[in-house]
Amino acid sequence: MNKKEYPLILSCLLFLFLFTTGIWLAGHRSLDNDEFFTAVSSIENPSFQQMLSGKISEGNNSPLFYVTQKTFWALIGYKIPKPWRSGQWLEDKSAEIFLRLVPIFCMSLMMTLVFYFFSRFYSILTGFYSLFLSLSSTMVWFYWTQGRPYALWMLLTTVQALIFLYLTLEKRISSKTWLGLITVNFLLSLTSLFGLIQIGVVSALLWLFVNRRWQDYIFLTVIPVVICIFYYIQVPKYNWWFSLSPEQLIRECFSRDRFYILILYFVFFMLFSLQKKTNAFRLFLDDRLLRGRLYFFMTVMMVVAACLVLWIFKAFEHRNPNHAGFPVSSRYFAYLTPIGIIASTFFSIELIRSFQHKRWMQAVIGLGIGYLVIQRFWKILPIIKGIYSF
């Protein structure tokens, strides 16, 4: 068997395991009001035409998830149990699981794709490290088994981020890769209004550092952005208020340990730049550390964009003194979770490999990062127990 086939075979087995686990988890989670509202008001009642025209009564009216769910339900003959419609919350595990199959598929595939990428281009051990980071993420556990659009959004974000990372590492553009990025940008524009942020950030960095041919950005950027704007115009305008601080909302999606890994990379990047300018010390033997700079810029820009959105929300909060409407939720920034998983995996490995000539530095960095990620996993265990009844 070719060594390159191992990551693919392992990834297929991992997906089956994660998908099965997701179904098992769905059977240990009660249906919540948000899921029921989405199922009835946003999927079962509207027609396909209403969905595609943005006539969905949710804060995110981008239609891809709702159309996918409605199509899937039609294919399998699924209908919401009648007792639920009359307000009787009778337990119906099979109905709850079928309602959640699409998100379970999407989240399982998201974790598998990250595992495959790092197993294929780094090592199997790195792939399992990325899986550990995925399973240390609050948003993964919460939206893995919830019948709402966020697992699909996180999956598409993962594909976009991995394609971007691949483009920046390979330093060459194939028509196949570019077409893949165009496709995922279109799907993002049909999945979330905040997809506009992701499309804009990735396109800006590619324009600045990779490809200056403006014609290539008509389908990659302009049309997806127009789609996002169209659905934003149609979206219902609700009032909002803050039940958590902006920092807490960000950290639920991009945890503190991932910020520390990002900062650690930045510190060593600055040391590398200082070494290049002064040649005063020889901490680095090559420029391997530079491989991560574009993904670092992307990650920072995505976080800054989320902070800017929160600042805008906060600036207008005074217009809603009675707390009408809905609290601002961390799910609005769910895209930061897969970006953080990929960033933490990538920067951890790149930092360690940058010091192959200094084993003691590898040990120090490895122990420091290991402490951060293990501590994070330990902290998430009570959260998992709060979501699932087992």
Protein backbone atom coordinates (compact mmCIF):
# COMPACT_ATOMS: atom_id res chain seq x y z
CA MET A 1 0.00 0.00 0.00
CA ASN A 2 1.28 3.48 -0.92
CA LYS A 3 2.11 5.60 2.12
CA LYS A 4 0.04 8.42 0.67
CA GLU A 5 -3.04 6.19 0.92
CA TYR A 6 -2.80 5.82 4.70
CA PRO A 7 -4.17 9.32 5.48
CA LEU A 8 -7.11 8.78 3.12
CA ILE A 9 -8.02 5.38 4.56
CA LEU A 10 -7.66 6.63 8.13
CA SER A 11 -9.76 9.67 7.29
CA CYS A 12 -12.58 7.53 5.89
CA LEU A 13 -12.57 5.39 9.02
CA LEU A 14 -12.45 8.49 11.20
CA PHE A 15 -15.44 10.02 9.42
CA LEU A 16 -17.49 6.86 9.98
CA PHE A 17 -16.52 6.89 13.64
CA LEU A 18 -17.33 10.58 14.09
CA PHE A 19 -20.63 10.32 12.21
CA THR A 20 -21.70 7.33 14.30
CA THR A 21 -20.63 9.11 17.46
CA GLY A 22 -22.63 12.17 16.42
CA ILE A 23 -25.77 10.05 15.99
CA TRP A 24 -25.18 8.54 19.44
CA LEU A 25 -24.69 12.01 20.95
CA ALA A 26 -27.87 13.29 19.27
CA GLY A 27 -29.79 10.61 21.12
CA HIS A 28 -28.50 12.03 24.41
CA ARG A 29 -29.54 15.62 23.79
CA SER A 30 -32.96 17.17 24.23
CA LEU A 31 -34.52 19.21 21.46
CA ASP A 32 -34.27 22.94 22.19
CA ASN A 33 -36.51 25.84 21.22
CA ASP A 34 -34.11 27.19 18.57
CA GLU A 35 -34.03 23.85 16.76
CA PHE A 36 -37.81 23.56 16.84
CA PHE A 37 -38.30 27.12 15.56
CA THR A 38 -35.82 26.51 12.73
CA ALA A 39 -37.45 23.19 11.82
CA VAL A 40 -41.01 24.52 11.69
CA SER A 41 -40.76 28.21 10.74
CA SER A 42 -37.66 28.14 8.55
CA ILE A 43 -37.67 24.71 6.93
CA GLU A 44 -41.06 22.97 6.90
CA ASN A 45 -43.38 25.94 6.34
CA PRO A 46 -41.58 28.08 3.70
CA SER A 47 -41.46 26.98 0.08
CA PHE A 48 -38.18 26.61 -1.80
CA GLN A 49 -38.96 29.84 -3.64
CA GLN A 50 -39.45 31.72 -0.36
CA MET A 51 -36.19 30.33 1.00
CA LEU A 52 -34.17 31.29 -2.06
CA SER A 53 -35.64 34.80 -2.04
CA GLY A 54 -34.56 35.30 1.58
CA LYS A 55 -38.04 35.09 3.12
CA ILE A 56 -36.87 33.23 6.21
CA SER A 57 -37.80 34.56 9.63
CA GLU A 58 -34.36 34.18 11.22
CA GLY A 59 -31.45 36.53 11.85
CA ASN A 60 -29.53 34.50 9.27
CA ASN A 61 -31.74 34.08 6.20
CA SER A 62 -29.10 32.70 3.82
CA PRO A 63 -30.90 29.70 2.33
CA LEU A 64 -28.40 26.89 1.73
CA PHE A 65 -28.89 25.03 5.01
CA TYR A 66 -32.68 25.35 4.96
CA VAL A 67 -32.91 24.21 1.34
CA THR A 68 -30.58 21.28 2.08
CA GLN A 69 -32.63 20.21 5.10
CA LYS A 70 -35.95 20.52 3.28
CA THR A 71 -34.62 18.49 0.35
CA PHE A 72 -33.20 15.82 2.65
CA TRP A 73 -36.44 15.56 4.59
CA ALA A 74 -38.40 15.17 1.36
CA LEU A 75 -36.08 12.39 0.18
CA ILE A 76 -36.38 10.37 3.40
CA GLY A 77 -40.04 11.24 4.02
CA TYR A 78 -39.35 12.96 7.34
CA LYS A 79 -42.08 15.00 9.02
CA ILE A 80 -42.06 16.78 12.36
CA PRO A 81 -44.10 14.73 14.90
CA LYS A 82 -47.62 16.11 15.44
CA PRO A 83 -47.32 16.25 19.27
CA TRP A 84 -44.44 18.72 18.91
CA ARG A 85 -46.64 21.04 16.87
CA SER A 86 -49.25 21.14 19.61
CA GLY A 87 -46.65 22.00 22.22
CA GLN A 88 -46.29 18.51 23.68
CA TRP A 89 -42.55 17.94 24.02
CA LEU A 90 -42.78 14.17 23.98
CA GLU A 91 -39.47 12.37 23.59
CA ASP A 92 -39.03 10.98 20.11
CA LYS A 93 -35.39 10.01 19.69
CA SER A 94 -35.62 8.84 16.09
CA ALA A 95 -37.32 12.08 15.04
CA GLU A 96 -34.71 14.14 16.89
CA ILE A 97 -31.83 12.24 15.31
CA PHE A 98 -33.21 12.53 11.76
CA LEU A 99 -33.68 16.26 12.29
CA ARG A 100 -29.97 16.51 13.11
CA LEU A 101 -28.40 14.21 10.52
CA VAL A 102 -27.24 16.96 8.14
CA PRO A 103 -25.40 18.93 10.89
CA ILE A 104 -23.89 15.67 12.22
CA PHE A 105 -22.62 14.90 8.72
CA CYS A 106 -21.20 18.41 8.28
CA MET A 107 -19.39 18.59 11.62
CA SER A 108 -18.00 15.06 11.27
CA LEU A 109 -16.73 15.92 7.79
CA MET A 110 -15.23 19.19 9.07
CA MET A 111 -13.09 17.41 11.66
CA THR A 112 -12.16 14.72 9.15
CA LEU A 113 -10.99 17.22 6.52
CA VAL A 114 -8.71 18.97 9.00
CA PHE A 115 -7.35 15.58 10.08
CA TYR A 116 -6.75 14.55 6.47
CA PHE A 117 -4.99 17.79 5.52
CA PHE A 118 -2.46 17.59 8.34
CA SER A 119 -2.03 13.82 8.03
CA ARG A 120 -1.42 14.18 4.30
CA PHE A 121 0.97 17.14 4.36
CA TYR A 122 2.61 16.67 7.77
CA SER A 123 2.14 13.39 9.65
CA ILE A 124 -0.51 11.07 11.05
CA LEU A 125 0.44 12.26 14.54
CA THR A 126 -0.19 15.86 13.48
CA GLY A 127 -3.57 14.78 12.14
CA PHE A 128 -4.55 13.32 15.51
CA TYR A 129 -3.32 16.48 17.20
CA SER A 130 -5.71 18.50 15.01
CA LEU A 131 -8.52 16.09 15.96
CA PHE A 132 -7.70 16.64 19.65
CA LEU A 133 -7.98 20.39 19.11
CA SER A 134 -11.30 19.96 17.30
CA LEU A 135 -12.66 17.94 20.21
CA SER A 136 -11.44 20.66 22.59
CA SER A 137 -13.71 23.25 20.97
CA THR A 138 -16.96 24.35 22.59
CA MET A 139 -18.66 25.20 19.30
CA VAL A 140 -17.90 21.76 17.88
CA TRP A 141 -19.69 19.98 20.72
CA PHE A 142 -22.61 22.40 20.76
CA TYR A 143 -23.37 22.47 17.02
CA TRP A 144 -22.33 18.91 16.15
CA THR A 145 -25.84 17.74 17.04
CA GLN A 146 -28.02 20.82 16.66
CA GLY A 147 -30.37 21.09 13.70
CA ARG A 148 -29.26 24.60 12.70
CA PRO A 149 -26.95 26.10 10.02
CA TYR A 150 -23.77 26.42 12.08
CA ALA A 151 -22.21 23.01 11.39
CA LEU A 152 -22.56 23.63 7.65
CA TRP A 153 -21.04 27.09 8.05
CA MET A 154 -18.09 25.68 9.99
CA LEU A 155 -17.57 22.98 7.36
CA LEU A 156 -17.44 25.51 4.51
CA THR A 157 -15.13 27.74 6.57
CA THR A 158 -12.81 24.79 7.02
CA VAL A 159 -12.69 24.09 3.29
CA GLN A 160 -12.02 27.76 2.53
CA ALA A 161 -9.27 28.02 5.16
CA LEU A 162 -7.55 24.80 4.04
CA ILE A 163 -7.60 25.87 0.37
CA PHE A 164 -6.17 29.25 1.35
CA LEU A 165 -3.46 27.61 3.45
CA TYR A 166 -2.62 25.23 0.61
CA LEU A 167 -2.37 28.11 -1.87
CA THR A 168 -0.03 30.07 0.39
CA LEU A 169 2.20 27.06 1.07
CA GLU A 170 2.42 25.89 -2.53
CA LYS A 171 2.96 29.43 -3.88
CA ARG A 172 1.30 28.47 -7.13
CA ILE A 173 -2.26 28.54 -8.39
CA SER A 174 -3.90 25.79 -10.38
CA SER A 175 -7.22 26.31 -12.11
CA LYS A 176 -8.64 23.40 -10.10
CA THR A 177 -7.70 24.95 -6.75
CA TRP A 178 -8.98 28.38 -7.75
CA LEU A 179 -12.26 26.86 -8.95
CA GLY A 180 -12.57 25.07 -5.62
CA LEU A 181 -12.18 28.36 -3.78
CA ILE A 182 -14.76 30.03 -6.03
CA THR A 183 -17.20 27.21 -5.28
CA VAL A 184 -16.77 27.42 -1.53
CA ASN A 185 -17.11 31.22 -1.59
CA PHE A 186 -20.40 30.88 -3.45
CA LEU A 187 -21.62 28.32 -0.91
CA LEU A 188 -20.52 30.55 1.99
CA SER A 189 -22.48 33.46 0.51
CA LEU A 190 -25.56 31.21 0.55
CA THR A 191 -24.94 29.96 4.11
CA SER A 192 -24.23 32.97 6.33
CA LEU A 193 -24.41 36.74 6.11
CA PHE A 194 -21.05 36.84 7.90
CA GLY A 195 -19.62 34.84 5.01
CA LEU A 196 -19.04 38.28 3.50
CA ILE A 197 -16.26 38.85 6.07
CA GLN A 198 -14.53 35.59 5.20
CA ILE A 199 -14.81 36.14 1.45
CA GLY A 200 -13.46 39.67 1.80
CA VAL A 201 -10.49 38.75 4.02
CA VAL A 202 -9.35 35.78 1.93
CA SER A 203 -9.78 37.69 -1.34
CA ALA A 204 -7.85 40.71 -0.05
CA LEU A 205 -4.88 38.58 1.05
CA LEU A 206 -4.83 36.62 -2.21
CA TRP A 207 -4.91 39.90 -4.16
CA LEU A 208 -2.06 41.40 -2.13
CA PHE A 209 0.25 38.39 -2.02
CA VAL A 210 -0.74 35.73 -4.54
CA ASN A 211 -2.70 36.79 -7.61
CA ARG A 212 -3.23 40.31 -9.02
CA ARG A 213 -5.28 39.32 -12.07
CA TRP A 214 -8.50 41.26 -11.37
CA GLN A 215 -10.66 39.17 -13.71
CA ASP A 216 -10.19 36.18 -11.41
CA TYR A 217 -12.00 38.00 -8.60
CA ILE A 218 -15.30 38.53 -10.39
CA PHE A 219 -16.51 35.04 -9.49
CA LEU A 220 -14.28 34.60 -6.46
CA THR A 221 -15.30 37.81 -4.69
CA VAL A 222 -17.67 40.22 -6.41
CA ILE A 223 -20.62 37.90 -7.10
CA PRO A 224 -20.50 36.13 -3.69
CA VAL A 225 -20.36 39.54 -1.94
CA VAL A 226 -23.38 40.74 -3.95
CA ILE A 227 -25.27 37.58 -2.89
CA CYS A 228 -24.44 38.28 0.78
CA ILE A 229 -25.66 41.87 0.43
CA PHE A 230 -28.89 40.70 -1.25
CA TYR A 231 -29.76 38.42 1.67
CA TYR A 232 -28.77 41.07 4.20
CA ILE A 233 -31.29 43.46 2.62
CA GLN A 234 -33.99 40.78 3.03
CA VAL A 235 -33.10 39.75 6.59
CA PRO A 236 -35.58 40.56 9.42
CA LYS A 237 -34.22 43.34 11.62
CA TYR A 238 -34.31 42.35 15.30
CA ASN A 239 -33.19 44.21 18.40
CA TRP A 240 -30.24 42.84 20.34
CA TRP A 241 -28.50 43.20 23.67
CA PHE A 242 -25.42 41.74 25.41
CA SER A 243 -25.70 39.03 28.06
CA LEU A 244 -21.96 38.27 27.82
CA SER A 245 -19.02 40.58 27.27
CA PRO A 246 -17.60 40.82 23.72
CA GLU A 247 -14.43 39.08 24.97
CA GLN A 248 -16.43 36.12 26.27
CA LEU A 249 -18.29 35.82 22.98
CA ILE A 250 -15.03 35.68 21.03
CA ARG A 251 -13.37 33.23 23.43
CA GLU A 252 -16.23 30.76 23.10
CA CYS A 253 -15.24 30.46 19.44
CA PHE A 254 -11.51 31.17 19.63
CA SER A 255 -10.32 30.03 23.04
CA ARG A 256 -7.58 31.64 25.11
CA ASP A 257 -5.04 28.86 24.48
CA ARG A 258 -5.37 29.46 20.72
CA PHE A 259 -4.70 33.14 21.23
CA TYR A 260 -1.57 32.21 23.18
CA ILE A 261 -0.33 29.96 20.35
CA LEU A 262 -1.00 32.79 17.90
CA ILE A 263 0.95 35.22 20.10
CA LEU A 264 3.79 32.71 20.45
CA TYR A 265 4.09 32.49 16.68
CA PHE A 266 4.06 36.29 16.40
CA VAL A 267 6.85 36.61 19.00
CA PHE A 268 9.09 34.18 17.13
CA PHE A 269 8.19 35.82 13.83
CA MET A 270 9.40 39.16 15.22
CA LEU A 271 12.59 37.49 16.49
CA PHE A 272 13.14 36.04 13.04
CA SER A 273 12.68 39.49 11.47
CA LEU A 274 15.15 40.96 13.97
CA GLN A 275 17.69 38.25 13.14
CA LYS A 276 17.30 38.98 9.43
CA LYS A 277 17.90 42.71 9.92
CA THR A 278 20.75 42.61 12.47
CA ASN A 279 22.28 39.15 12.02
CA ALA A 280 23.12 39.52 15.70
CA PHE A 281 22.20 35.98 16.69
CA ARG A 282 21.46 32.65 15.02
CA LEU A 283 18.23 31.44 16.54
CA PHE A 284 16.86 30.29 13.16
CA LEU A 285 18.86 28.44 10.50
CA ASP A 286 16.34 28.90 7.67
CA ASP A 287 13.21 30.87 6.82
CA ARG A 288 10.70 28.06 7.41
CA LEU A 289 8.83 30.20 9.94
CA LEU A 290 7.77 32.53 7.11
CA ARG A 291 5.54 29.79 5.69
CA GLY A 292 2.88 30.69 8.21
CA ARG A 293 2.74 34.46 7.82
CA LEU A 294 -0.21 34.65 5.39
CA TYR A 295 -2.36 32.30 7.44
CA PHE A 296 -1.36 34.33 10.50
CA PHE A 297 -2.55 37.51 8.77
CA MET A 298 -5.78 35.80 7.77
CA THR A 299 -6.46 34.56 11.29
CA VAL A 300 -5.80 37.95 12.84
CA MET A 301 -7.97 39.71 10.26
CA MET A 302 -10.85 37.29 10.88
CA VAL A 303 -10.67 37.91 14.63
CA VAL A 304 -10.39 41.68 14.15
CA ALA A 305 -13.42 41.60 11.83
CA ALA A 306 -15.43 39.77 14.52
CA CYS A 307 -14.33 42.36 17.09
CA LEU A 308 -15.40 45.15 14.72
CA VAL A 309 -18.86 43.60 14.33
CA LEU A 310 -19.16 43.33 18.12
CA TRP A 311 -18.09 46.97 18.47
CA ILE A 312 -20.87 47.98 16.07
CA PHE A 313 -23.39 45.90 18.03
CA LYS A 314 -22.20 47.47 21.27
CA ALA A 315 -22.39 50.99 19.85
CA PHE A 316 -26.10 50.55 19.08
CA GLU A 317 -27.03 48.60 22.23
CA HIS A 318 -28.18 51.82 23.95
CA ARG A 319 -31.13 51.92 21.55
CA ASN A 320 -32.55 48.85 23.27
CA PRO A 321 -32.61 49.69 27.01
CA ASN A 322 -35.41 47.21 27.77
CA HIS A 323 -33.50 44.25 26.32
CA ALA A 324 -36.11 43.47 23.69
CA GLY A 325 -35.26 40.94 20.99
CA PHE A 326 -32.28 38.61 21.36
CA PRO A 327 -28.93 38.55 23.16
CA VAL A 328 -25.86 38.71 20.93
CA SER A 329 -24.65 35.12 20.66
CA SER A 330 -21.24 33.56 20.13
CA ARG A 331 -22.74 31.52 17.30
CA TYR A 332 -22.53 34.63 15.11
CA PHE A 333 -18.77 34.06 15.11
CA ALA A 334 -18.74 30.27 14.77
CA TYR A 335 -16.46 30.63 11.73
CA LEU A 336 -13.60 31.46 14.12
CA THR A 337 -13.60 27.92 15.56
CA PRO A 338 -12.31 26.01 12.48
CA ILE A 339 -9.93 28.89 11.68
CA GLY A 340 -8.54 28.59 15.22
CA ILE A 341 -8.24 24.79 15.06
CA ILE A 342 -6.26 24.97 11.82
CA ALA A 343 -4.15 27.89 13.08
CA SER A 344 -3.25 26.17 16.35
CA THR A 345 -2.31 22.93 14.60
CA PHE A 346 -0.34 24.67 11.86
CA PHE A 347 1.57 27.12 14.06
CA SER A 348 2.35 24.47 16.68
CA ILE A 349 3.97 22.20 14.12
CA GLU A 350 5.71 24.98 12.19
CA LEU A 351 7.22 26.40 15.39
CA ILE A 352 8.56 23.02 16.45
CA ARG A 353 9.94 22.24 12.98
CA SER A 354 11.62 25.64 12.82
CA PHE A 355 13.90 24.49 15.64
CA GLN A 356 14.95 21.06 14.39
CA HIS A 357 18.54 22.08 15.08
CA LYS A 358 17.72 22.99 18.70
CA ARG A 359 16.11 20.07 20.46
CA TRP A 360 15.85 21.91 23.75
CA MET A 361 13.77 24.64 22.07
CA GLN A 362 11.50 22.03 20.56
CA ALA A 363 11.02 20.51 23.99
CA VAL A 364 10.22 23.86 25.61
CA ILE A 365 7.76 24.86 22.88
CA GLY A 366 6.17 21.41 22.81
CA LEU A 367 5.71 21.30 26.58
CA GLY A 368 4.29 24.82 26.67
CA ILE A 369 1.78 24.20 23.89
CA GLY A 370 0.97 20.77 25.31
CA TYR A 371 0.10 22.31 28.67
CA LEU A 372 -2.20 24.87 27.00
CA VAL A 373 -4.15 22.40 24.86
CA ILE A 374 -4.49 19.74 27.58
CA GLN A 375 -5.71 22.35 30.03
CA ARG A 376 -8.25 23.48 27.45
CA PHE A 377 -9.53 19.93 26.93
CA TRP A 378 -9.88 19.50 30.68
CA LYS A 379 -11.97 22.69 30.88
CA ILE A 380 -14.35 21.58 28.16
CA LEU A 381 -15.40 18.34 29.87
CA PRO A 382 -17.99 20.03 32.16
CA ILE A 383 -19.39 21.87 29.11
CA ILE A 384 -19.87 18.56 27.29
CA LYS A 385 -21.66 17.12 30.30
CA GLY A 386 -23.92 20.18 30.33
CA ILE A 387 -24.92 19.68 26.69
CA TYR A 388 -25.50 15.93 26.74
CA SER A 389 -27.29 13.73 29.27
CA PHE A 390 -25.01 10.78 29.92
